[in-house]
């Protein structure tokens, strides 16, 4: 049975990483057009405000001043997600 220990450990890490990915990394309420991840400077033109909710998996949910929602960022998956999880949990 010990031949499967590595697979079991990898699956355990995968499940933990997927749960961790849903966690909030940061919350920004701003009118800046200079955020490192911002590909939509038009959202904050004319002093409009947005709320950016950044998740541990790298995705960013932007809520616009008119209530609209935009998803941004690069969502980590698979081994990349597991690697980030392990890095941040040590």
PDB file of N, CA and C in Angstrom:
ATOM      1  N   UNK A   1       0.798  -1.201   0.000  1.00  0.00           N
ATOM      2  CA  UNK A   1       0.000   0.000   0.000  1.00  0.00           C
ATOM      3  C   UNK A   1       0.845   1.273   0.000  1.00  0.00           C
ATOM      4  N   UNK A   2       2.061   1.188   0.466  1.00  0.00           N
ATOM      5  CA  UNK A   2       2.892   2.387   0.511  1.00  0.00           C
ATOM      6  C   UNK A   2       3.233   2.909  -0.875  1.00  0.00           C
ATOM      7  N   UNK A   3       3.001   2.110  -1.896  1.00  0.00           N
ATOM      8  CA  UNK A   3       3.288   2.547  -3.263  1.00  0.00           C
ATOM      9  C   UNK A   3       2.370   3.678  -3.698  1.00  0.00           C
ATOM     10  N   UNK A   4       1.269   3.879  -3.001  1.00  0.00           N
ATOM     11  CA  UNK A   4       0.307   4.910  -3.373  1.00  0.00           C
ATOM     12  C   UNK A   4       0.397   6.161  -2.492  1.00  0.00           C
ATOM     13  N   UNK A   5       1.313   6.168  -1.555  1.00  0.00           N
ATOM     14  CA  UNK A   5       1.412   7.295  -0.637  1.00  0.00           C
ATOM     15  C   UNK A   5       1.634   8.621  -1.365  1.00  0.00           C
ATOM     16  N   UNK A   6       2.474   8.631  -2.378  1.00  0.00           N
ATOM     17  CA  UNK A   6       2.723   9.868  -3.132  1.00  0.00           C
ATOM     18  C   UNK A   6       1.461  10.359  -3.829  1.00  0.00           C
ATOM     19  N   UNK A   7       0.714   9.446  -4.392  1.00  0.00           N
ATOM     20  CA  UNK A   7      -0.535   9.832  -5.076  1.00  0.00           C
ATOM     21  C   UNK A   7      -1.555  10.369  -4.086  1.00  0.00           C
ATOM     22  N   UNK A   8      -1.655   9.730  -2.950  1.00  0.00           N
ATOM     23  CA  UNK A   8      -2.595  10.169  -1.918  1.00  0.00           C
ATOM     24  C   UNK A   8      -2.205  11.558  -1.418  1.00  0.00           C
ATOM     25  N   UNK A   9      -0.917  11.775  -1.181  1.00  0.00           N
ATOM     26  CA  UNK A   9      -0.442  13.075  -0.724  1.00  0.00           C
ATOM     27  C   UNK A   9      -0.703  14.150  -1.770  1.00  0.00           C
ATOM     28  N   UNK A  10      -0.473  13.844  -3.036  1.00  0.00           N
ATOM     29  CA  UNK A  10      -0.716  14.803  -4.116  1.00  0.00           C
ATOM     30  C   UNK A  10      -2.208  15.156  -4.191  1.00  0.00           C
ATOM     31  N   UNK A  11      -3.077  14.182  -4.039  1.00  0.00           N
ATOM     32  CA  UNK A  11      -4.512  14.432  -4.062  1.00  0.00           C
ATOM     33  C   UNK A  11      -4.942  15.277  -2.862  1.00  0.00           C
ATOM     34  N   UNK A  12      -4.344  15.004  -1.699  1.00  0.00           N
ATOM     35  CA  UNK A  12      -4.645  15.790  -0.500  1.00  0.00           C
ATOM     36  C   UNK A  12      -4.247  17.254  -0.718  1.00  0.00           C
ATOM     37  N   UNK A  13      -3.070  17.462  -1.265  1.00  0.00           N
ATOM     38  CA  UNK A  13      -2.622  18.818  -1.550  1.00  0.00           C
ATOM     39  C   UNK A  13      -3.526  19.505  -2.565  1.00  0.00           C
ATOM     40  N   UNK A  14      -3.949  18.770  -3.571  1.00  0.00           N
ATOM     41  CA  UNK A  14      -4.827  19.332  -4.602  1.00  0.00           C
ATOM     42  C   UNK A  14      -6.144  19.811  -3.992  1.00  0.00           C
ATOM     43  N   UNK A  15      -6.733  19.003  -3.137  1.00  0.00           N
ATOM     44  CA  UNK A  15      -8.001  19.363  -2.498  1.00  0.00           C
ATOM     45  C   UNK A  15      -7.814  20.585  -1.599  1.00  0.00           C
ATOM     46  N   UNK A  16      -6.741  20.602  -0.817  1.00  0.00           N
ATOM     47  CA  UNK A  16      -6.470  21.743   0.056  1.00  0.00           C
ATOM     48  C   UNK A  16      -6.226  23.015  -0.760  1.00  0.00           C
ATOM     49  N   UNK A  17      -5.482  22.890  -1.853  1.00  0.00           N
ATOM     50  CA  UNK A  17      -5.170  24.045  -2.700  1.00  0.00           C
ATOM     51  C   UNK A  17      -6.433  24.596  -3.353  1.00  0.00           C
ATOM     52  N   UNK A  18      -7.321  23.724  -3.788  1.00  0.00           N
ATOM     53  CA  UNK A  18      -8.561  24.180  -4.417  1.00  0.00           C
ATOM     54  C   UNK A  18      -9.437  24.927  -3.415  1.00  0.00           C
ATOM     55  N   UNK A  19      -9.437  24.505  -2.172  1.00  0.00           N
ATOM     56  CA  UNK A  19     -10.198  25.216  -1.132  1.00  0.00           C
ATOM     57  C   UNK A  19      -9.534  26.553  -0.820  1.00  0.00           C
ATOM     58  N   UNK A  20      -8.210  26.554  -0.700  1.00  0.00           N
ATOM     59  CA  UNK A  20      -7.440  27.768  -0.437  1.00  0.00           C
ATOM     60  C   UNK A  20      -7.637  28.793  -1.549  1.00  0.00           C
ATOM     61  N   UNK A  21      -7.743  28.329  -2.784  1.00  0.00           N
ATOM     62  CA  UNK A  21      -7.878  29.209  -3.953  1.00  0.00           C
ATOM     63  C   UNK A  21      -9.093  30.114  -3.855  1.00  0.00           C
ATOM     64  N   UNK A  22     -10.132  29.668  -3.167  1.00  0.00           N
ATOM     65  CA  UNK A  22     -11.366  30.443  -3.047  1.00  0.00           C
ATOM     66  C   UNK A  22     -11.251  31.582  -2.027  1.00  0.00           C
ATOM     67  N   UNK A  23     -10.186  31.574  -1.245  1.00  0.00           N
ATOM     68  CA  UNK A  23      -9.995  32.583  -0.206  1.00  0.00           C
ATOM     69  C   UNK A  23      -9.637  33.938  -0.787  1.00  0.00           C
ATOM     70  N   UNK A  24      -9.968  34.982  -0.055  1.00  0.00           N
ATOM     71  CA  UNK A  24      -9.699  36.349  -0.488  1.00  0.00           C
ATOM     72  C   UNK A  24      -8.276  36.732  -0.092  1.00  0.00           C
ATOM     73  N   UNK A  25      -7.515  37.173  -1.069  1.00  0.00           N
ATOM     74  CA  UNK A  25      -6.142  37.627  -0.856  1.00  0.00           C
ATOM     75  C   UNK A  25      -6.123  39.103  -0.490  1.00  0.00           C
ATOM     76  N   UNK A  26      -6.919  39.902  -1.204  1.00  0.00           N
ATOM     77  CA  UNK A  26      -6.977  41.334  -0.906  1.00  0.00           C
ATOM     78  C   UNK A  26      -8.253  41.937  -1.487  1.00  0.00           C
ATOM     79  N   UNK A  27      -8.574  43.117  -0.973  1.00  0.00           N
ATOM     80  CA  UNK A  27      -9.747  43.861  -1.423  1.00  0.00           C
ATOM     81  C   UNK A  27      -9.309  45.303  -1.638  1.00  0.00           C
ATOM     82  N   UNK A  28      -9.581  45.836  -2.839  1.00  0.00           N
ATOM     83  CA  UNK A  28      -9.201  47.207  -3.168  1.00  0.00           C
ATOM     84  C   UNK A  28     -10.448  47.951  -3.640  1.00  0.00           C
ATOM     85  N   UNK A  29     -10.751  49.074  -3.001  1.00  0.00           N
ATOM     86  CA  UNK A  29     -11.796  49.963  -3.477  1.00  0.00           C
ATOM     87  C   UNK A  29     -11.085  51.236  -3.888  1.00  0.00           C
ATOM     88  N   UNK A  30     -11.112  51.545  -5.190  1.00  0.00           N
ATOM     89  CA  UNK A  30     -10.251  52.618  -5.667  1.00  0.00           C
ATOM     90  C   UNK A  30     -10.757  53.240  -6.963  1.00  0.00           C
ATOM     91  N   UNK A  31     -10.067  54.308  -7.368  1.00  0.00           N
ATOM     92  CA  UNK A  31     -10.324  54.944  -8.658  1.00  0.00           C
ATOM     93  C   UNK A  31      -9.018  55.076  -9.440  1.00  0.00           C
ATOM     94  N   UNK A  32      -8.060  54.205  -9.145  1.00  0.00           N
ATOM     95  CA  UNK A  32      -6.749  54.226  -9.797  1.00  0.00           C
ATOM     96  C   UNK A  32      -6.795  53.494 -11.130  1.00  0.00           C
ATOM     97  N   UNK A  33      -5.947  53.940 -12.055  1.00  0.00           N
ATOM     98  CA  UNK A  33      -5.828  53.213 -13.319  1.00  0.00           C
ATOM     99  C   UNK A  33      -4.428  52.626 -13.462  1.00  0.00           C
ATOM    100  N   UNK A  34      -3.745  52.467 -12.322  1.00  0.00           N
ATOM    101  CA  UNK A  34      -2.358  52.026 -12.353  1.00  0.00           C
ATOM    102  C   UNK A  34      -2.116  50.728 -11.578  1.00  0.00           C
ATOM    103  N   UNK A  35      -3.156  49.967 -11.308  1.00  0.00           N
ATOM    104  CA  UNK A  35      -2.962  48.697 -10.621  1.00  0.00           C
ATOM    105  C   UNK A  35      -2.184  47.767 -11.555  1.00  0.00           C
ATOM    106  N   UNK A  36      -1.307  46.954 -11.029  1.00  0.00           N
ATOM    107  CA  UNK A  36      -0.431  46.114 -11.848  1.00  0.00           C
ATOM    108  C   UNK A  36      -1.216  45.160 -12.747  1.00  0.00           C
ATOM    109  N   UNK A  37      -2.385  44.762 -12.348  1.00  0.00           N
ATOM    110  CA  UNK A  37      -3.179  43.799 -13.098  1.00  0.00           C
ATOM    111  C   UNK A  37      -4.234  44.458 -13.988  1.00  0.00           C
ATOM    112  N   UNK A  38      -4.346  45.769 -13.908  1.00  0.00           N
ATOM    113  CA  UNK A  38      -5.451  46.471 -14.574  1.00  0.00           C
ATOM    114  C   UNK A  38      -5.263  46.546 -16.085  1.00  0.00           C
ATOM    115  N   UNK A  39      -6.160  45.903 -16.792  1.00  0.00           N
ATOM    116  CA  UNK A  39      -6.173  45.961 -18.263  1.00  0.00           C
ATOM    117  C   UNK A  39      -7.367  46.772 -18.748  1.00  0.00           C
ATOM    118  N   UNK A  40      -8.074  47.405 -17.808  1.00  0.00           N
ATOM    119  CA  UNK A  40      -9.291  48.144 -18.130  1.00  0.00           C
ATOM    120  C   UNK A  40      -9.273  49.526 -17.477  1.00  0.00           C
ATOM    121  N   UNK A  41      -8.373  50.406 -17.886  1.00  0.00           N
ATOM    122  CA  UNK A  41      -8.311  51.737 -17.268  1.00  0.00           C
ATOM    123  C   UNK A  41      -9.578  52.549 -17.493  1.00  0.00           C
ATOM    124  N   UNK A  42     -10.378  52.188 -18.477  1.00  0.00           N
ATOM    125  CA  UNK A  42     -11.623  52.913 -18.731  1.00  0.00           C
ATOM    126  C   UNK A  42     -12.616  52.755 -17.574  1.00  0.00           C
ATOM    127  N   UNK A  43     -12.447  51.726 -16.765  1.00  0.00           N
ATOM    128  CA  UNK A  43     -13.366  51.514 -15.644  1.00  0.00           C
ATOM    129  C   UNK A  43     -13.256  52.609 -14.585  1.00  0.00           C
ATOM    130  N   UNK A  44     -12.096  53.276 -14.517  1.00  0.00           N
ATOM    131  CA  UNK A  44     -11.886  54.302 -13.495  1.00  0.00           C
ATOM    132  C   UNK A  44     -11.728  55.699 -14.091  1.00  0.00           C
ATOM    133  N   UNK A  45     -12.088  55.857 -15.357  1.00  0.00           N
ATOM    134  CA  UNK A  45     -12.048  57.192 -15.969  1.00  0.00           C
ATOM    135  C   UNK A  45     -13.047  58.113 -15.282  1.00  0.00           C
ATOM    136  N   UNK A  46     -12.767  59.385 -15.319  1.00  0.00           N
ATOM    137  CA  UNK A  46     -13.649  60.405 -14.742  1.00  0.00           C
ATOM    138  C   UNK A  46     -13.930  60.155 -13.263  1.00  0.00           C
ATOM    139  N   UNK A  47     -12.919  59.667 -12.546  1.00  0.00           N
ATOM    140  CA  UNK A  47     -12.984  59.444 -11.099  1.00  0.00           C
ATOM    141  C   UNK A  47     -14.033  58.404 -10.678  1.00  0.00           C
ATOM    142  N   UNK A  48     -14.387  57.478 -11.576  1.00  0.00           N
ATOM    143  CA  UNK A  48     -15.288  56.385 -11.196  1.00  0.00           C
ATOM    144  C   UNK A  48     -14.540  55.413 -10.288  1.00  0.00           C
ATOM    145  N   UNK A  49     -15.254  54.822  -9.362  1.00  0.00           N
ATOM    146  CA  UNK A  49     -14.657  53.890  -8.408  1.00  0.00           C
ATOM    147  C   UNK A  49     -14.998  52.455  -8.774  1.00  0.00           C
ATOM    148  N   UNK A  50     -14.092  51.559  -8.435  1.00  0.00           N
ATOM    149  CA  UNK A  50     -14.300  50.124  -8.614  1.00  0.00           C
ATOM    150  C   UNK A  50     -13.870  49.407  -7.340  1.00  0.00           C
ATOM    151  N   UNK A  51     -14.358  48.194  -7.174  1.00  0.00           N
ATOM    152  CA  UNK A  51     -13.926  47.341  -6.074  1.00  0.00           C
ATOM    153  C   UNK A  51     -13.334  46.086  -6.683  1.00  0.00           C
ATOM    154  N   UNK A  52     -12.065  45.844  -6.385  1.00  0.00           N
ATOM    155  CA  UNK A  52     -11.366  44.666  -6.888  1.00  0.00           C
ATOM    156  C   UNK A  52     -11.171  43.679  -5.750  1.00  0.00           C
ATOM    157  N   UNK A  53     -11.727  42.494  -5.913  1.00  0.00           N
ATOM    158  CA  UNK A  53     -11.601  41.419  -4.948  1.00  0.00           C
ATOM    159  C   UNK A  53     -10.640  40.395  -5.541  1.00  0.00           C
ATOM    160  N   UNK A  54      -9.457  40.288  -4.947  1.00  0.00           N
ATOM    161  CA  UNK A  54      -8.411  39.402  -5.460  1.00  0.00           C
ATOM    162  C   UNK A  54      -8.433  38.096  -4.662  1.00  0.00           C
ATOM    163  N   UNK A  55      -8.490  36.988  -5.372  1.00  0.00           N
ATOM    164  CA  UNK A  55      -8.536  35.668  -4.743  1.00  0.00           C
ATOM    165  C   UNK A  55      -7.149  35.026  -4.742  1.00  0.00           C
ATOM    166  N   UNK A  56      -6.958  34.047  -3.887  1.00  0.00           N
ATOM    167  CA  UNK A  56      -5.675  33.359  -3.787  1.00  0.00           C
ATOM    168  C   UNK A  56      -5.268  32.668  -5.084  1.00  0.00           C
ATOM    169  N   UNK A  57      -6.227  32.300  -5.927  1.00  0.00           N
ATOM    170  CA  UNK A  57      -5.896  31.594  -7.171  1.00  0.00           C
ATOM    171  C   UNK A  57      -5.443  32.530  -8.292  1.00  0.00           C
ATOM    172  N   UNK A  58      -5.390  33.838  -8.013  1.00  0.00           N
ATOM    173  CA  UNK A  58      -4.934  34.795  -9.009  1.00  0.00           C
ATOM    174  C   UNK A  58      -6.045  35.495  -9.764  1.00  0.00           C
ATOM    175  N   UNK A  59      -7.275  35.047  -9.614  1.00  0.00           N
ATOM    176  CA  UNK A  59      -8.379  35.714 -10.297  1.00  0.00           C
ATOM    177  C   UNK A  59      -8.791  36.968  -9.529  1.00  0.00           C
ATOM    178  N   UNK A  60      -9.346  37.914 -10.266  1.00  0.00           N
ATOM    179  CA  UNK A  60      -9.758  39.194  -9.691  1.00  0.00           C
ATOM    180  C   UNK A  60     -11.172  39.497 -10.156  1.00  0.00           C
ATOM    181  N   UNK A  61     -12.054  39.738  -9.210  1.00  0.00           N
ATOM    182  CA  UNK A  61     -13.440  40.090  -9.521  1.00  0.00           C
ATOM    183  C   UNK A  61     -13.594  41.587  -9.311  1.00  0.00           C
ATOM    184  N   UNK A  62     -13.829  42.306 -10.417  1.00  0.00           N
ATOM    185  CA  UNK A  62     -13.994  43.760 -10.351  1.00  0.00           C
ATOM    186  C   UNK A  62     -15.478  44.097 -10.412  1.00  0.00           C
ATOM    187  N   UNK A  63     -15.943  44.845  -9.410  1.00  0.00           N
ATOM    188  CA  UNK A  63     -17.302  45.358  -9.411  1.00  0.00           C
ATOM    189  C   UNK A  63     -17.236  46.825  -9.799  1.00  0.00           C
ATOM    190  N   UNK A  64     -17.924  47.162 -10.867  1.00  0.00           N
ATOM    191  CA  UNK A  64     -17.918  48.522 -11.395  1.00  0.00           C
ATOM    192  C   UNK A  64     -18.876  49.408 -10.611  1.00  0.00           C
ATOM    193  N   UNK A  65     -18.741  50.712 -10.777  1.00  0.00           N
ATOM    194  CA  UNK A  65     -19.594  51.658 -10.059  1.00  0.00           C
ATOM    195  C   UNK A  65     -21.062  51.519 -10.451  1.00  0.00           C
ATOM    196  N   UNK A  66     -21.335  50.985 -11.657  1.00  0.00           N
ATOM    197  CA  UNK A  66     -22.722  50.781 -12.079  1.00  0.00           C
ATOM    198  C   UNK A  66     -23.271  49.412 -11.684  1.00  0.00           C
ATOM    199  N   UNK A  67     -22.472  48.635 -10.928  1.00  0.00           N
ATOM    200  CA  UNK A  67     -22.907  47.319 -10.468  1.00  0.00           C
ATOM    201  C   UNK A  67     -22.465  46.167 -11.347  1.00  0.00           C
ATOM    202  N   UNK A  68     -21.903  46.435 -12.506  1.00  0.00           N
ATOM    203  CA  UNK A  68     -21.420  45.380 -13.390  1.00  0.00           C
ATOM    204  C   UNK A  68     -20.223  44.656 -12.787  1.00  0.00           C
ATOM    205  N   UNK A  69     -19.994  43.440 -13.257  1.00  0.00           N
ATOM    206  CA  UNK A  69     -18.895  42.629 -12.739  1.00  0.00           C
ATOM    207  C   UNK A  69     -18.018  42.165 -13.895  1.00  0.00           C
ATOM    208  N   UNK A  70     -16.708  42.299 -13.715  1.00  0.00           N
ATOM    209  CA  UNK A  70     -15.712  41.883 -14.698  1.00  0.00           C
ATOM    210  C   UNK A  70     -14.745  40.934 -13.999  1.00  0.00           C
ATOM    211  N   UNK A  71     -14.386  39.829 -14.637  1.00  0.00           N
ATOM    212  CA  UNK A  71     -13.364  38.933 -14.101  1.00  0.00           C
ATOM    213  C   UNK A  71     -12.053  39.222 -14.821  1.00  0.00           C
ATOM    214  N   UNK A  72     -10.980  39.322 -14.049  1.00  0.00           N
ATOM    215  CA  UNK A  72      -9.651  39.602 -14.592  1.00  0.00           C
ATOM    216  C   UNK A  72      -8.644  38.659 -13.943  1.00  0.00           C
ATOM    217  N   UNK A  73      -7.391  38.806 -14.337  1.00  0.00           N
ATOM    218  CA  UNK A  73      -6.315  38.027 -13.741  1.00  0.00           C
ATOM    219  C   UNK A  73      -6.161  36.674 -14.394  1.00  0.00           C
ATOM    220  N   UNK A  74      -5.178  35.934 -13.932  1.00  0.00           N
ATOM    221  CA  UNK A  74      -4.896  34.599 -14.443  1.00  0.00           C
ATOM    222  C   UNK A  74      -5.158  33.610 -13.308  1.00  0.00           C
ATOM    223  N   UNK A  75      -6.155  32.787 -13.496  1.00  0.00           N
ATOM    224  CA  UNK A  75      -6.543  31.815 -12.476  1.00  0.00           C
ATOM    225  C   UNK A  75      -5.599  30.624 -12.524  1.00  0.00           C
ATOM    226  N   UNK A  76      -4.919  30.379 -11.413  1.00  0.00           N
ATOM    227  CA  UNK A  76      -4.005  29.243 -11.335  1.00  0.00           C
ATOM    228  C   UNK A  76      -4.790  27.949 -11.245  1.00  0.00           C
ATOM    229  N   UNK A  77      -4.258  26.919 -11.890  1.00  0.00           N
ATOM    230  CA  UNK A  77      -4.887  25.596 -11.867  1.00  0.00           C
ATOM    231  C   UNK A  77      -3.806  24.526 -11.784  1.00  0.00           C
ATOM    232  N   UNK A  78      -4.224  23.326 -11.442  1.00  0.00           N
ATOM    233  CA  UNK A  78      -3.326  22.176 -11.457  1.00  0.00           C
ATOM    234  C   UNK A  78      -2.104  22.352 -10.575  1.00  0.00           C
ATOM    235  N   UNK A  79      -0.952  21.943 -11.108  1.00  0.00           N
ATOM    236  CA  UNK A  79       0.283  21.968 -10.338  1.00  0.00           C
ATOM    237  C   UNK A  79       0.697  23.382  -9.972  1.00  0.00           C
ATOM    238  N   UNK A  80       0.412  24.368 -10.826  1.00  0.00           N
ATOM    239  CA  UNK A  80       0.742  25.758 -10.496  1.00  0.00           C
ATOM    240  C   UNK A  80       0.002  26.210  -9.241  1.00  0.00           C
ATOM    241  N   UNK A  81      -1.268  25.834  -9.129  1.00  0.00           N
ATOM    242  CA  UNK A  81      -2.054  26.176  -7.946  1.00  0.00           C
ATOM    243  C   UNK A  81      -1.493  25.478  -6.711  1.00  0.00           C
ATOM    244  N   UNK A  82      -1.176  24.210  -6.836  1.00  0.00           N
ATOM    245  CA  UNK A  82      -0.614  23.457  -5.707  1.00  0.00           C
ATOM    246  C   UNK A  82       0.704  24.085  -5.259  1.00  0.00           C
ATOM    247  N   UNK A  83       1.552  24.453  -6.214  1.00  0.00           N
ATOM    248  CA  UNK A  83       2.836  25.071  -5.873  1.00  0.00           C
ATOM    249  C   UNK A  83       2.642  26.376  -5.105  1.00  0.00           C
ATOM    250  N   UNK A  84       1.696  27.218  -5.543  1.00  0.00           N
ATOM    251  CA  UNK A  84       1.414  28.476  -4.831  1.00  0.00           C
ATOM    252  C   UNK A  84       0.883  28.201  -3.432  1.00  0.00           C
ATOM    253  N   UNK A  85       0.002  27.230  -3.320  1.00  0.00           N
ATOM    254  CA  UNK A  85      -0.562  26.867  -2.017  1.00  0.00           C
ATOM    255  C   UNK A  85       0.537  26.430  -1.057  1.00  0.00           C
ATOM    256  N   UNK A  86       1.411  25.543  -1.519  1.00  0.00           N
ATOM    257  CA  UNK A  86       2.497  25.054  -0.670  1.00  0.00           C
ATOM    258  C   UNK A  86       3.417  26.198  -0.279  1.00  0.00           C
ATOM    259  N   UNK A  87       3.720  27.080  -1.225  1.00  0.00           N
ATOM    260  CA  UNK A  87       4.598  28.222  -0.964  1.00  0.00           C
ATOM    261  C   UNK A  87       4.012  29.134   0.119  1.00  0.00           C
ATOM    262  N   UNK A  88       2.712  29.379   0.068  1.00  0.00           N
ATOM    263  CA  UNK A  88       2.073  30.305   1.023  1.00  0.00           C
ATOM    264  C   UNK A  88       1.667  29.651   2.327  1.00  0.00           C
ATOM    265  N   UNK A  89       1.700  28.348   2.386  1.00  0.00           N
ATOM    266  CA  UNK A  89       1.270  27.679   3.625  1.00  0.00           C
ATOM    267  C   UNK A  89       2.449  27.245   4.481  1.00  0.00           C
ATOM    268  N   UNK A  90       3.652  27.562   4.047  1.00  0.00           N
ATOM    269  CA  UNK A  90       4.827  27.172   4.850  1.00  0.00           C
ATOM    270  C   UNK A  90       5.237  28.289   5.761  1.00  0.00           C
TER     271      UNK A  90
END
